[in-house]
Structure formats: structure tokens, C-alpha cells
Amino acid sequence: MIRKALTIAGSDSGGGAGIEADLKTFSAFGVHGLVAITSVTAQNTQEVRAIYDVKPEIVAKQIEAVVEDIGVDAAKTGMLSNAEIIKAVAETVKKYDFPLVVDPVMIAKSGAPLLREDAM
């Protein structure tokens, strides 16, 4: 049986972080990767140019969709950029009660903030 891991994080257009990096890691360990995208970033190796946060209810629906159909053996968080997204993720994870690793992503490698003050 192939294990299934869910990454609840932002998408990095440069492919070096976020769900893109998580999926590469999952694959390297023979784990099927699932995603719930919290934010879409326009970034490269030098800078973060823009961040668009996904609505919290859409983040929750993504988690529900994969848990209820495919199943999740474990999950990890990444970029949860605001208090509303954090709350939606916490409530949804609690509802389904799967193991969760919290990776508090606060700052991009370039130094750009990825966590708003209201979320601290």
C-alpha cells in the first residue's frame, strides 16, 4: 500500500519551496503527495514579487476533498499566511484527526515576510 501525505502550504512559482518542494520530497520517499494550496506566490531565487492568499473556505474544502475520497495518512503545513487560514486549517485537521507536522513558514529565503502580523 502506498502511503499518502498531504501538504497544506503555499505554491512557489520558482519550484524551490512550498508544495512543489514537498511533493518532490514525498516522491523521493515513495509517498503519494496530495495538496491543499493556501497561497500562490510569484517568486524566484531572488525575491517574492507577489502573494495571493486562497480563501480559507477553499483551503478547508481542498483538505476535505482529498481526505474524504483518497484518504490521508499524515499531513504537514507550510505557508499559512494569515489568521483566517490558520483557523480554517486547524478546524479541518481537528475534524479529520490525522497526524500533522507543523512547519511554521514565516520568511522566504529572500527575506520577504510570508506570515502576516495578525497570524502571529
Protein backbone atom coordinates (compact mmCIF):
# COMPACT_ATOMS: atom_id res chain seq x y z
CA MET A 1 0.00 0.00 0.00
CA ILE A 2 1.33 3.43 -0.95
CA ARG A 3 1.28 5.98 1.87
CA LYS A 4 -0.47 9.30 1.25
CA ALA A 5 0.79 12.61 2.64
CA LEU A 6 -0.95 15.97 2.38
CA THR A 7 0.93 19.24 2.18
CA ILE A 8 -1.08 22.28 3.25
CA ALA A 9 1.07 25.14 2.03
CA GLY A 10 1.77 27.85 -0.49
CA SER A 11 2.80 27.38 -4.10
CA ASP A 12 6.23 28.69 -5.14
CA SER A 13 6.42 29.65 -8.82
CA GLY A 14 10.19 29.10 -8.68
CA GLY A 15 9.69 25.48 -7.60
CA GLY A 16 12.22 25.65 -4.78
CA ALA A 17 9.87 25.74 -1.79
CA GLY A 18 6.26 25.24 -0.81
CA ILE A 19 4.12 22.45 -2.19
CA GLU A 20 6.50 21.95 -5.10
CA ALA A 21 9.38 21.07 -2.75
CA ASP A 22 7.11 18.98 -0.53
CA LEU A 23 5.88 16.90 -3.48
CA LYS A 24 9.47 16.25 -4.58
CA THR A 25 10.33 15.06 -1.07
CA PHE A 26 7.24 12.86 -0.81
CA SER A 27 8.05 11.28 -4.18
CA ALA A 28 11.66 10.62 -3.19
CA PHE A 29 10.34 8.54 -0.27
CA GLY A 30 7.74 6.68 -2.34
CA VAL A 31 4.84 8.61 -0.80
CA HIS A 32 1.85 9.79 -2.86
CA GLY A 33 1.58 13.56 -2.41
CA LEU A 34 -1.69 15.44 -2.01
CA VAL A 35 -2.04 19.22 -1.81
CA ALA A 36 -4.17 21.96 -0.32
CA ILE A 37 -2.87 25.28 -1.61
CA THR A 38 -3.05 28.16 0.89
CA SER A 39 -1.33 30.88 -1.14
CA VAL A 40 0.06 31.41 -4.61
CA THR A 41 3.35 33.24 -4.73
CA ALA A 42 5.17 34.92 -7.60
CA GLN A 43 8.76 34.30 -6.60
CA ASN A 44 12.12 33.23 -7.86
CA THR A 45 15.52 32.67 -6.26
CA GLN A 46 15.96 36.41 -5.69
CA GLU A 47 12.63 37.76 -4.44
CA VAL A 48 8.95 37.35 -3.69
CA ARG A 49 7.10 39.64 -6.09
CA ALA A 50 3.51 38.95 -5.04
CA ILE A 51 1.39 36.77 -2.77
CA TYR A 52 -2.25 35.83 -3.30
CA ASP A 53 -3.97 34.09 -0.40
CA VAL A 54 -6.59 31.46 -1.17
CA LYS A 55 -9.87 31.98 0.69
CA PRO A 56 -9.91 29.99 3.95
CA GLU A 57 -13.09 28.13 2.99
CA ILE A 58 -11.43 26.95 -0.23
CA VAL A 59 -8.39 25.75 1.73
CA ALA A 60 -10.72 23.75 4.01
CA LYS A 61 -12.62 22.33 1.01
CA GLN A 62 -9.37 21.15 -0.58
CA ILE A 63 -8.46 19.26 2.59
CA GLU A 64 -11.95 17.78 2.90
CA ALA A 65 -11.95 16.69 -0.76
CA VAL A 66 -8.77 14.63 -0.52
CA VAL A 67 -9.43 13.23 2.96
CA GLU A 68 -12.95 12.07 2.13
CA ASP A 69 -12.03 10.41 -1.17
CA ILE A 70 -8.35 9.46 -1.24
CA GLY A 71 -7.50 9.46 2.47
CA VAL A 72 -4.55 11.00 4.28
CA ASP A 73 -2.02 9.07 6.37
CA ALA A 74 -0.30 12.24 7.57
CA ALA A 75 -0.01 15.92 6.68
CA LYS A 76 2.33 18.84 7.05
CA THR A 77 1.80 22.55 6.94
CA GLY A 78 3.92 25.15 5.29
CA MET A 79 2.93 28.72 4.48
CA LEU A 80 -0.24 29.63 6.40
CA SER A 81 -0.09 33.38 5.84
CA ASN A 82 -2.95 34.76 7.91
CA ALA A 83 -5.09 34.06 10.97
CA GLU A 84 -8.15 33.04 8.96
CA ILE A 85 -6.25 30.38 7.02
CA ILE A 86 -4.65 29.08 10.22
CA LYS A 87 -8.08 28.80 11.85
CA ALA A 88 -9.60 27.01 8.83
CA VAL A 89 -6.73 24.52 8.70
CA ALA A 90 -6.81 23.88 12.46
CA GLU A 91 -10.56 23.25 12.46
CA THR A 92 -10.44 20.97 9.43
CA VAL A 93 -7.48 18.94 10.70
CA LYS A 94 -9.20 18.55 14.07
CA LYS A 95 -12.37 17.31 12.33
CA TYR A 96 -10.49 14.52 10.50
CA ASP A 97 -7.87 13.82 13.19
CA PHE A 98 -4.88 12.81 11.07
CA PRO A 99 -1.24 13.22 12.19
CA LEU A 100 0.09 16.70 11.43
CA VAL A 101 3.59 18.16 11.30
CA VAL A 102 3.56 21.95 11.70
CA ASP A 103 6.32 23.76 9.80
CA PRO A 104 5.86 27.45 10.69
CA VAL A 105 6.96 29.18 7.49
CA MET A 106 7.34 32.87 8.32
CA ILE A 107 10.01 34.29 6.00
CA ALA A 108 11.12 33.39 2.46
CA LYS A 109 14.75 32.58 1.78
CA SER A 110 14.99 36.03 0.17
CA GLY A 111 13.90 37.63 3.46
CA ALA A 112 10.37 38.53 2.36
CA PRO A 113 7.71 38.06 5.06
CA LEU A 114 5.26 35.21 4.37
CA LEU A 115 3.25 35.44 7.60
CA ARG A 116 1.10 38.46 8.36
CA GLU A 117 1.26 40.08 11.78
CA ASP A 118 -2.35 39.06 12.55
CA ALA A 119 -1.28 35.41 12.38
CA MET A 120 1.47 35.61 15.00
